[in-house]
Structure formats: structure tokens, C-alpha cells
Amino acid sequence: MYQAETPADLLKKKRKLPGSRSSWTRVASTVFLLGTTSLLTDISSEMVSAMLPLYLLVALRFSPFQVGVMDGLYQGATVLVRVMSGLVADRWRRPKQVAAVGYGLSAVCKLGLLIASSSWTAIAGVMLLDRVGKGIRTAPRDAMIAASSQPEQLATAFGVHRAMDTAGAMIGPLLAVAILSIAPEQYDAIFVVSFCVALIGLAVIVLFVDNPADRAVDESEDGSSVSQAAVSLRSMIALLWQAEFRTLIIVGSALALVTVSDSLLYLVLRQRMTIPNGLFPLLYVVTALMFMIFAIPAGWLADRIGHKPVFFLGYGLLAGAYGILLVLQMNYLTAVLMLILLGSYYAATDGVFMAMASRVLPTHLRTTGLALLTTGTGLARLLASTLYGIVWSWFGAERALMIFIGGLVAVLLLAWPTVQRVLEN
């Protein structure tokens, strides 16, 4: 059953938090099952993507601009289908089936990499379809998490899911390293194993996850029933006129526009210090490990002191990671410190941002709203990766990073008072 109701009702329930003793172990079984699917899917995806930037830049000798475009496609291609998948899931009340289509498409794309060879166009096409699959599944999956969670545990539930999801992002590169150590340069073996793992993840959601129970009405602030309007393009546009939700889209997109993607950040780190190619995937592992460790505590903290302070703290940690990379002498100790801050940033922002949005969205349009939100941030990430690649090619990686740090600080200073005025804690 959809637990999150109107924003006013959620805020009334949130005031009861100081006396609550909720625990992450009490989250719904649906959260754990979806976490299992995400864990397996991320193992499959990260086996492939962890080596991709280095492969493109070093093995195929692509330019930083080409790598930036590829990374932008990887980061932002999901925007092509997110809103449509959200509308379909809300209209049919079948988020599970829509999400399963996305997981299935991503699984099939692993086989596509077997025939892509070294063609930049073919690789880009397969990765584009893989990210389209991600775009289809993300909003319905997050809506199911919110629908099966108590309002006072939203950030905790998302934290549990993100921790399991990120465990897969940590295991995937390690598995790829293990395969290549046994069979050097046998990338086909990685693709085959990746496909098999993705199929297992698809089976979990198809066989064990149920759609949330349908509700025909929402409850108003005074407890009376309010009929839900039909889900349509008009209702989606109406969401954008809701001040709280519109603010989240603008702020989230602005922050994404001044955020350097992990892949490009790791290439900058590799440029500043000597990292053997065989150890390059471990950069993803350390970041994912920190994300996994701090995701649940960050969600728990956000449910108690407020989502906004934890969210903005996360971007402060990101600025600190950029500063370390730009200012300090890079060695293995400072590199690990930078990766710790990077993983902590994800823990404090990813699930918490979805929880913030879930609280202000009406239940019958939650999937559509989350799709709109991730579409805005996805487009901004695509543009950010492309711009960073261009600036890197023109002025160098460090100067490009300096420009992005300045942009991040400026957006944070503008965003905090804006969010403070529009959204109540």
C-alpha cells in the first residue's frame, strides 16, 4: 500500500520522529528484494564500465573530448525514457513490470558488447541502450521503495537500497579484475559473466517482487478522501507548478551541472599520480565501499535532523574531494582520502534526494515526479561531462576542475537559502 500521503500529512508525521525508535532492519521486504536486484545488476554493469574510460583513453587512444562525450552518454542517456516510463508506470499501476523491462534491456546489452569490438560507434550504441534500460527502471523502482516504506523511514529505506546497490558497484570491478587476472585481455569473458549475473538480478524482481497495492484515493490534510486525477501529460506538467517540487528540480539540476563525473575525476587523479592500469578499477571499488558504509547512517541521520542539512553536507564533502585533488600532493594516502569524501558525498545525497522528493509528491504521480527529477539531473550530468571534456582539451584537466569547483561553491551558496525558503524541514 502506498504509505506516503500528502506533503502536509507527511510533515505532521515527521514531527513525531524524536520519540521513534525505527531501525533500518525494519524496512519492508520489498526494499531488500529490490536491493538484491540492484546489487546483481550493478555487479553486471560495473564489471564493464569500470574499465571503459581507461580502455577508451589508453587502449583506443580516444581524445578527452571523445571520452567526455561517451561518459556524458553513459550519465545522461537515461533521460530519453525516464519521463515516459514514469507516466506508463503511474497510469497502469504496474511499476514492477516497467522496471523489469528496463532490467531486461540492460541484461541483453551485455551480449551486445560481444559484437561491438573496438568501434567507438558500436560501443556508444550499446552503452546508450544499456543506459536507456536504466532510465526505464529507475523511477518505478524508487517509487516502489517509497510506496512500501513508512514516511518517517523514507531516507533510511533509500539508504538501505543504495547500500545494497553500491555493494554491487564495489563487487563488479573486483570481479572484472579477478577475471582478467585469470584470463588476461579476455574481455569476452567479462561480457558473458556480466550477462549471466544480470539475468539472475532480473529473475529476482520478476519472481519475488509484487506491485504495491493500488489506491484510488489520497487523503487530504484533514483526513478526508480526495479523488486522484487521471495520470496524463497535463498532470505531469502540473507537477512542475508545485513550488516545492520545482525547487528540487532546479537545485538538483544546477548542482549536477557543476559536478564532475567519477570516470573523468579518476582520469584526473591518474594524471596527477602513477596508478598502474590494473589497479584503475579499484578507484571505483573504494568509492563504492564508502558509499555502502555510509548510506544507511546518512539516511538514518536525515530522517532525524532533516533531509536538507544532510543533502547539502554531502555536496560540501564533494567540494572537499575536489579541493584535495587540486591542491594537495597526490599519493596513495591523499587519494584514499579523496575517495572517502567522494563516497560519503554519494551516501549523503543520492537516497536522501529521492526521499526529499517522495515527501512532496502526490502518491499517484510519484513515479512520474521522480522521473522528471532524474531527467533534469541526468540532462545536466550529460552536459557537465561534455563541457568538462571540452575544457580539459582546451585548458587542461586541473584548470577545468578549478572552474567546476568555483561553479559548485557558487551554486551551493545560492541553493541553500532558496531551498530554505521554499521547503520546510
Protein backbone atom coordinates (compact mmCIF):
# COMPACT_ATOMS: atom_id res chain seq x y z
CA MET A 1 0.00 0.00 0.00
CA TYR A 2 1.18 3.50 -0.71
CA GLN A 3 2.32 4.83 2.63
CA ALA A 4 3.42 8.37 1.73
CA GLU A 5 0.39 10.61 1.51
CA THR A 6 0.08 14.37 1.13
CA PRO A 7 3.04 16.63 1.92
CA ALA A 8 1.17 18.14 4.88
CA ASP A 9 0.39 14.70 6.27
CA LEU A 10 3.99 13.65 5.88
CA LEU A 11 5.16 16.75 7.74
CA LYS A 12 2.76 16.07 10.61
CA LYS A 13 4.05 12.52 10.92
CA LYS A 14 7.64 13.71 10.73
CA ARG A 15 7.16 15.77 13.88
CA LYS A 16 6.76 12.50 15.80
CA LEU A 17 10.28 11.42 14.92
CA PRO A 18 12.09 12.41 18.13
CA GLY A 19 10.40 9.60 20.05
CA SER A 20 10.63 6.98 17.32
CA ARG A 21 12.94 4.01 17.51
CA SER A 22 12.83 2.88 13.91
CA SER A 23 15.71 0.81 12.60
CA TRP A 24 17.00 0.02 9.16
CA THR A 25 16.22 -3.65 9.86
CA ARG A 26 12.51 -2.80 9.89
CA VAL A 27 12.30 -1.65 6.29
CA ALA A 28 9.92 -3.59 4.07
CA SER A 29 10.97 -6.83 2.38
CA THR A 30 10.32 -5.15 -0.97
CA VAL A 31 13.21 -2.79 -0.26
CA PHE A 32 15.58 -5.72 0.35
CA LEU A 33 14.36 -7.60 -2.76
CA LEU A 34 14.77 -4.53 -4.96
CA GLY A 35 18.15 -4.00 -3.32
CA THR A 36 19.13 -7.55 -4.30
CA THR A 37 18.11 -6.93 -7.92
CA SER A 38 20.07 -3.66 -7.94
CA LEU A 39 23.09 -5.32 -6.32
CA LEU A 40 23.26 -8.01 -9.01
CA THR A 41 22.57 -5.54 -11.83
CA ASP A 42 25.31 -3.21 -10.60
CA ILE A 43 27.78 -6.10 -10.39
CA SER A 44 26.96 -6.77 -14.04
CA SER A 45 27.19 -3.14 -15.15
CA GLU A 46 30.27 -2.13 -13.19
CA MET A 47 32.23 -5.14 -14.42
CA VAL A 48 32.07 -3.47 -17.81
CA SER A 49 32.03 0.26 -17.05
CA ALA A 50 34.94 0.31 -14.58
CA MET A 51 37.48 -0.39 -17.32
CA LEU A 52 35.75 1.61 -20.07
CA PRO A 53 37.29 5.10 -19.56
CA LEU A 54 40.83 3.74 -19.36
CA TYR A 55 40.18 1.47 -22.34
CA LEU A 56 38.95 4.36 -24.45
CA LEU A 57 41.70 6.79 -23.46
CA VAL A 58 44.70 4.44 -23.36
CA ALA A 59 43.97 1.39 -25.50
CA LEU A 60 41.94 3.06 -28.25
CA ARG A 61 43.68 6.47 -27.86
CA PHE A 62 40.48 8.49 -27.93
CA SER A 63 40.73 12.19 -27.08
CA PRO A 64 39.48 13.57 -23.74
CA PHE A 65 36.61 15.13 -25.69
CA GLN A 66 35.56 11.72 -27.06
CA VAL A 67 35.82 10.19 -23.59
CA GLY A 68 33.74 13.06 -22.22
CA VAL A 69 31.05 12.52 -24.85
CA MET A 70 30.96 8.79 -24.11
CA ASP A 71 30.78 9.48 -20.39
CA GLY A 72 28.03 12.02 -21.00
CA LEU A 73 26.04 9.41 -22.92
CA TYR A 74 26.58 6.96 -20.09
CA GLN A 75 25.49 9.50 -17.49
CA GLY A 76 22.66 11.18 -19.35
CA ALA A 77 21.16 8.77 -21.91
CA THR A 78 18.58 7.68 -19.36
CA VAL A 79 16.75 10.99 -19.86
CA LEU A 80 15.40 9.69 -23.18
CA VAL A 81 12.87 7.41 -21.48
CA ARG A 82 12.63 8.33 -17.79
CA VAL A 83 9.55 10.53 -18.01
CA MET A 84 7.73 8.17 -20.34
CA SER A 85 8.43 5.17 -18.11
CA GLY A 86 7.20 7.15 -15.11
CA LEU A 87 3.94 8.07 -16.86
CA VAL A 88 3.38 4.49 -18.00
CA ALA A 89 4.06 3.06 -14.54
CA ASP A 90 1.71 5.54 -12.85
CA ARG A 91 -1.03 5.17 -15.44
CA TRP A 92 -1.00 1.36 -15.47
CA ARG A 93 -0.19 1.00 -11.76
CA ARG A 94 2.41 -1.59 -12.78
CA PRO A 95 5.80 -0.20 -11.71
CA LYS A 96 7.22 -3.71 -11.31
CA GLN A 97 6.61 -4.63 -14.94
CA VAL A 98 8.03 -1.35 -16.24
CA ALA A 99 11.13 -1.72 -14.06
CA ALA A 100 11.59 -5.33 -15.20
CA VAL A 101 11.64 -4.21 -18.85
CA GLY A 102 14.48 -1.84 -18.01
CA TYR A 103 16.47 -4.50 -16.18
CA GLY A 104 15.93 -6.93 -19.07
CA LEU A 105 17.14 -4.45 -21.69
CA SER A 106 20.32 -3.76 -19.72
CA ALA A 107 20.97 -7.50 -19.44
CA VAL A 108 20.66 -8.04 -23.20
CA CYS A 109 23.09 -5.19 -23.87
CA LYS A 110 25.87 -7.16 -22.19
CA LEU A 111 25.69 -9.59 -25.10
CA GLY A 112 25.78 -6.64 -27.50
CA LEU A 113 29.22 -5.75 -26.23
CA LEU A 114 30.49 -9.09 -27.54
CA ILE A 115 29.96 -7.90 -31.12
CA ALA A 116 30.83 -4.21 -30.61
CA SER A 117 34.57 -4.91 -30.99
CA SER A 118 36.69 -1.75 -30.86
CA SER A 119 34.29 0.51 -32.77
CA TRP A 120 33.57 3.71 -30.84
CA THR A 121 30.18 3.98 -32.57
CA ALA A 122 29.16 0.41 -31.73
CA ILE A 123 30.32 0.71 -28.11
CA ALA A 124 28.47 4.01 -27.76
CA GLY A 125 25.31 2.46 -29.20
CA VAL A 126 25.34 -0.49 -26.81
CA MET A 127 26.08 1.69 -23.79
CA LEU A 128 23.29 4.04 -24.89
CA LEU A 129 20.78 1.15 -24.89
CA ASP A 130 22.11 -0.04 -21.54
CA ARG A 131 21.51 3.40 -20.03
CA VAL A 132 18.05 3.54 -21.64
CA GLY A 133 17.31 0.38 -19.68
CA LYS A 134 18.48 2.14 -16.54
CA GLY A 135 16.27 5.10 -17.37
CA ILE A 136 13.24 2.84 -17.72
CA ARG A 137 13.73 1.09 -14.39
CA THR A 138 14.97 3.79 -12.00
CA ALA A 139 11.83 5.82 -11.28
CA PRO A 140 9.46 2.81 -10.97
CA ARG A 141 11.93 1.10 -8.65
CA ASP A 142 12.32 4.18 -6.43
CA ALA A 143 8.55 4.66 -6.39
CA MET A 144 8.12 1.07 -5.14
CA ILE A 145 10.66 1.74 -2.38
CA ALA A 146 8.76 4.85 -1.28
CA ALA A 147 5.38 3.12 -1.58
CA SER A 148 6.41 0.27 0.72
CA SER A 149 8.08 2.47 3.38
CA GLN A 150 6.75 4.40 6.35
CA PRO A 151 7.01 8.21 5.91
CA GLU A 152 9.37 8.55 8.87
CA GLN A 153 11.69 5.92 7.37
CA LEU A 154 11.90 7.14 3.77
CA ALA A 155 15.55 8.22 3.85
CA THR A 156 16.50 5.09 5.81
CA ALA A 157 14.78 2.83 3.26
CA PHE A 158 16.52 4.56 0.38
CA GLY A 159 19.77 4.30 2.33
CA VAL A 160 19.35 0.52 2.69
CA HIS A 161 18.64 0.16 -1.02
CA ARG A 162 21.57 2.39 -2.01
CA ALA A 163 23.90 0.45 0.30
CA MET A 164 22.96 -2.84 -1.41
CA ASP A 165 23.10 -1.23 -4.84
CA THR A 166 26.55 0.16 -4.11
CA ALA A 167 27.79 -3.19 -2.84
CA GLY A 168 27.28 -4.37 -6.40
CA ALA A 169 29.20 -1.37 -7.71
CA MET A 170 32.05 -2.42 -5.43
CA ILE A 171 31.97 -6.13 -6.28
CA GLY A 172 31.71 -5.63 -10.06
CA PRO A 173 35.16 -4.08 -10.65
CA LEU A 174 36.77 -6.63 -8.30
CA LEU A 175 35.18 -9.44 -10.27
CA ALA A 176 36.42 -7.90 -13.52
CA VAL A 177 39.96 -7.68 -12.12
CA ALA A 178 39.76 -11.31 -10.99
CA ILE A 179 38.61 -12.49 -14.43
CA LEU A 180 41.33 -10.55 -16.23
CA SER A 181 43.98 -11.85 -13.83
CA ILE A 182 42.96 -15.40 -14.70
CA ALA A 183 42.44 -14.71 -18.40
CA PRO A 184 44.42 -11.57 -19.36
CA GLU A 185 42.78 -9.38 -22.01
CA GLN A 186 39.87 -11.80 -22.41
CA TYR A 187 37.18 -9.15 -22.30
CA ASP A 188 34.63 -11.52 -23.82
CA ALA A 189 34.70 -13.49 -20.58
CA ILE A 190 33.71 -10.35 -18.67
CA PHE A 191 30.77 -9.75 -21.00
CA VAL A 192 29.49 -13.33 -20.66
CA VAL A 193 29.73 -13.35 -16.86
CA SER A 194 28.14 -9.90 -16.76
CA PHE A 195 25.18 -11.15 -18.78
CA CYS A 196 24.64 -14.17 -16.50
CA VAL A 197 24.71 -12.03 -13.34
CA ALA A 198 22.24 -9.56 -14.89
CA LEU A 199 19.83 -12.42 -15.68
CA ILE A 200 19.83 -13.52 -12.03
CA GLY A 201 19.02 -9.97 -10.94
CA LEU A 202 16.16 -9.83 -13.46
CA ALA A 203 14.79 -13.11 -12.10
CA VAL A 204 14.60 -11.69 -8.55
CA ILE A 205 12.31 -8.79 -9.47
CA VAL A 206 10.19 -10.90 -11.85
CA LEU A 207 9.64 -13.81 -9.45
CA PHE A 208 9.65 -12.27 -5.97
CA VAL A 209 8.65 -8.58 -6.09
CA ASP A 210 4.97 -7.57 -6.12
CA ASN A 211 3.42 -4.33 -7.29
CA PRO A 212 2.38 -2.02 -4.42
CA ALA A 213 -1.32 -2.30 -3.61
CA ASP A 214 -3.31 0.21 -5.64
CA ARG A 215 -5.04 3.16 -4.02
CA ALA A 216 -7.85 5.01 -5.71
CA VAL A 217 -7.74 7.99 -3.38
CA ASP A 218 -5.29 10.12 -1.43
CA GLU A 219 -6.09 11.59 1.95
CA SER A 220 -6.23 15.33 2.44
CA GLU A 221 -4.73 17.11 5.41
CA ASP A 222 -7.97 16.87 7.40
CA GLY A 223 -8.25 13.13 6.72
CA SER A 224 -10.94 13.29 4.04
CA SER A 225 -10.59 11.40 0.80
CA VAL A 226 -9.54 13.16 -2.37
CA SER A 227 -10.02 11.53 -5.75
CA GLN A 228 -6.89 11.23 -7.84
CA ALA A 229 -6.91 12.85 -11.24
CA ALA A 230 -6.10 10.62 -14.18
CA VAL A 231 -2.40 10.32 -14.85
CA SER A 232 -1.68 12.25 -18.03
CA LEU A 233 0.75 14.64 -19.67
CA ARG A 234 -1.29 17.51 -18.21
CA SER A 235 -0.94 16.16 -14.68
CA MET A 236 2.79 15.77 -15.24
CA ILE A 237 3.09 19.41 -16.32
CA ALA A 238 1.05 20.44 -13.29
CA LEU A 239 3.72 18.91 -11.06
CA LEU A 240 6.19 21.47 -12.34
CA TRP A 241 4.00 24.26 -10.97
CA GLN A 242 4.26 22.84 -7.46
CA ALA A 243 6.76 25.17 -5.76
CA GLU A 244 8.46 22.55 -3.58
CA PHE A 245 8.96 20.06 -6.40
CA ARG A 246 10.01 22.70 -8.93
CA THR A 247 12.65 23.94 -6.50
CA LEU A 248 14.07 20.44 -6.12
CA ILE A 249 14.36 20.03 -9.90
CA ILE A 250 16.10 23.39 -10.34
CA VAL A 251 18.50 22.90 -7.43
CA GLY A 252 19.30 19.27 -8.28
CA SER A 253 19.94 20.08 -11.94
CA ALA A 254 22.10 23.09 -11.12
CA LEU A 255 24.25 21.02 -8.77
CA ALA A 256 24.55 18.22 -11.35
CA LEU A 257 25.72 20.74 -13.93
CA VAL A 258 28.79 21.59 -11.82
CA THR A 259 29.58 18.01 -10.79
CA VAL A 260 32.44 16.14 -12.46
CA SER A 261 31.60 12.52 -13.22
CA ASP A 262 33.56 9.83 -11.41
CA SER A 263 35.16 8.48 -14.57
CA LEU A 264 36.65 11.84 -15.56
CA LEU A 265 37.64 12.55 -11.96
CA TYR A 266 39.56 9.27 -11.81
CA LEU A 267 41.36 10.12 -15.03
CA VAL A 268 42.45 13.43 -13.47
CA LEU A 269 43.69 11.50 -10.42
CA ARG A 270 45.59 9.11 -12.67
CA GLN A 271 47.18 12.10 -14.41
CA ARG A 272 48.38 13.55 -11.09
CA MET A 273 49.88 10.31 -9.75
CA THR A 274 51.11 7.00 -11.08
CA ILE A 275 48.38 4.35 -10.93
CA PRO A 276 49.00 1.03 -12.70
CA ASN A 277 46.32 0.26 -15.26
CA GLY A 278 45.46 -2.98 -13.49
CA LEU A 279 44.61 -1.06 -10.31
CA PHE A 280 42.46 1.58 -12.00
CA PRO A 281 39.16 -0.27 -11.28
CA LEU A 282 39.98 -0.16 -7.55
CA LEU A 283 39.20 3.57 -7.59
CA TYR A 284 35.57 2.62 -8.22
CA VAL A 285 35.76 -0.02 -5.51
CA VAL A 286 36.94 2.35 -2.78
CA THR A 287 34.30 4.94 -3.68
CA ALA A 288 31.58 2.30 -3.71
CA LEU A 289 32.77 0.88 -0.39
CA MET A 290 32.48 4.29 1.27
CA PHE A 291 29.04 4.80 -0.29
CA MET A 292 27.92 1.42 1.02
CA ILE A 293 29.27 2.02 4.54
CA PHE A 294 27.73 5.47 4.99
CA ALA A 295 24.46 5.15 3.02
CA ILE A 296 22.37 3.72 5.88
CA PRO A 297 23.79 6.03 8.60
CA ALA A 298 23.26 9.04 6.31
CA GLY A 299 19.65 8.02 5.68
CA TRP A 300 19.06 7.45 9.40
CA LEU A 301 20.55 10.85 10.22
CA ALA A 302 18.47 12.59 7.53
CA ASP A 303 15.27 11.08 8.93
CA ARG A 304 16.12 12.62 12.31
CA ILE A 305 17.70 16.01 11.74
CA GLY A 306 16.17 16.78 8.34
CA HIS A 307 16.91 15.86 4.75
CA LYS A 308 18.24 19.23 3.61
CA PRO A 309 21.17 19.57 6.06
CA VAL A 310 22.46 16.10 5.19
CA PHE A 311 21.97 16.73 1.45
CA PHE A 312 23.95 19.98 1.46
CA LEU A 313 26.59 18.46 3.73
CA GLY A 314 27.11 15.84 1.02
CA TYR A 315 27.90 18.50 -1.56
CA GLY A 316 30.27 20.12 0.91
CA LEU A 317 32.11 16.79 1.07
CA LEU A 318 32.23 16.73 -2.74
CA ALA A 319 33.81 20.18 -2.81
CA GLY A 320 36.36 18.90 -0.29
CA ALA A 321 37.19 15.95 -2.56
CA TYR A 322 37.78 18.32 -5.49
CA GLY A 323 39.95 20.55 -3.30
CA ILE A 324 42.15 17.63 -2.21
CA LEU A 325 42.66 16.55 -5.83
CA LEU A 326 43.51 20.07 -6.92
CA VAL A 327 45.63 21.39 -4.03
CA LEU A 328 47.35 18.54 -2.20
CA GLN A 329 50.31 16.49 -3.35
CA MET A 330 48.71 13.28 -4.57
CA ASN A 331 49.90 9.98 -3.17
CA TYR A 332 48.04 6.85 -2.12
CA LEU A 333 47.06 8.35 1.26
CA THR A 334 45.59 11.58 -0.15
CA ALA A 335 43.96 9.60 -3.00
CA VAL A 336 42.17 7.36 -0.48
CA LEU A 337 41.06 10.45 1.48
CA MET A 338 39.63 11.95 -1.69
CA LEU A 339 37.77 8.72 -2.49
CA ILE A 340 36.38 8.55 1.06
CA LEU A 341 34.92 12.04 0.66
CA LEU A 342 33.56 11.15 -2.78
CA GLY A 343 31.80 8.02 -1.49
CA SER A 344 30.45 9.94 1.53
CA TYR A 345 29.04 12.56 -0.83
CA TYR A 346 27.01 9.89 -2.62
CA ALA A 347 25.80 8.43 0.68
CA ALA A 348 24.56 11.84 1.87
CA THR A 349 22.86 12.89 -1.37
CA ASP A 350 21.63 10.03 -3.57
CA GLY A 351 18.93 8.36 -1.48
CA VAL A 352 18.29 11.47 0.61
CA PHE A 353 17.39 13.49 -2.50
CA MET A 354 14.87 10.84 -3.58
CA ALA A 355 13.40 10.86 -0.08
CA MET A 356 13.05 14.66 -0.21
CA ALA A 357 11.16 14.40 -3.48
CA SER A 358 8.98 11.49 -2.33
CA ARG A 359 7.74 13.58 0.60
CA VAL A 360 6.41 16.40 -1.59
CA LEU A 361 4.95 14.31 -4.44
CA PRO A 362 1.35 13.03 -4.51
CA THR A 363 1.28 9.24 -4.35
CA HIS A 364 -0.46 8.68 -7.69
CA LEU A 365 2.20 10.76 -9.50
CA ARG A 366 5.26 9.72 -7.51
CA THR A 367 6.87 7.68 -10.28
CA THR A 368 6.29 10.45 -12.82
CA GLY A 369 7.68 13.06 -10.44
CA LEU A 370 10.80 11.05 -9.65
CA ALA A 371 11.29 10.51 -13.39
CA LEU A 372 11.06 14.25 -14.03
CA LEU A 373 13.57 14.90 -11.26
CA THR A 374 16.11 12.37 -12.51
CA THR A 375 15.58 13.58 -16.07
CA GLY A 376 16.60 17.10 -15.11
CA THR A 377 19.69 15.94 -13.23
CA GLY A 378 20.55 13.44 -15.97
CA LEU A 379 20.49 16.09 -18.69
CA ALA A 380 22.67 18.30 -16.51
CA ARG A 381 25.18 15.47 -15.98
CA LEU A 382 25.34 14.80 -19.72
CA LEU A 383 26.09 18.45 -20.36
CA ALA A 384 28.58 18.61 -17.47
CA SER A 385 30.61 15.65 -18.77
CA THR A 386 30.71 17.06 -22.28
CA LEU A 387 31.70 20.53 -21.05
CA TYR A 388 34.40 19.13 -18.79
CA GLY A 389 35.85 17.15 -21.70
CA ILE A 390 35.90 20.30 -23.84
CA VAL A 391 37.50 22.48 -21.16
CA TRP A 392 40.04 19.73 -20.41
CA SER A 393 41.00 19.60 -24.11
CA TRP A 394 41.41 23.38 -24.26
CA PHE A 395 42.91 24.33 -20.90
CA GLY A 396 43.97 21.10 -19.15
CA ALA A 397 42.37 18.86 -16.55
CA GLU A 398 43.37 20.85 -13.47
CA ARG A 399 42.12 24.19 -14.77
CA ALA A 400 38.85 22.54 -15.78
CA LEU A 401 38.50 21.15 -12.26
CA MET A 402 39.16 24.60 -10.80
CA ILE A 403 36.32 26.05 -12.90
CA PHE A 404 33.93 23.33 -11.73
CA ILE A 405 34.88 23.86 -8.07
CA GLY A 406 34.07 27.55 -8.39
CA GLY A 407 30.74 26.70 -10.01
CA LEU A 408 29.89 24.17 -7.30
CA VAL A 409 30.57 26.63 -4.46
CA ALA A 410 28.52 29.34 -6.20
CA VAL A 411 25.53 27.04 -6.73
CA LEU A 412 25.64 25.84 -3.14
CA LEU A 413 25.61 29.41 -1.81
CA LEU A 414 22.61 30.25 -3.98
CA ALA A 415 20.74 26.98 -3.46
CA TRP A 416 20.75 26.87 0.35
CA PRO A 417 18.62 29.99 1.00
CA THR A 418 16.35 29.10 -1.92
CA VAL A 419 15.58 25.66 -0.57
CA GLN A 420 15.31 27.03 2.96
CA ARG A 421 12.57 29.46 1.88
CA VAL A 422 10.51 27.01 -0.18
CA LEU A 423 10.80 23.72 1.71
CA GLU A 424 10.05 23.25 5.37
CA ASN A 425 12.29 20.94 7.34
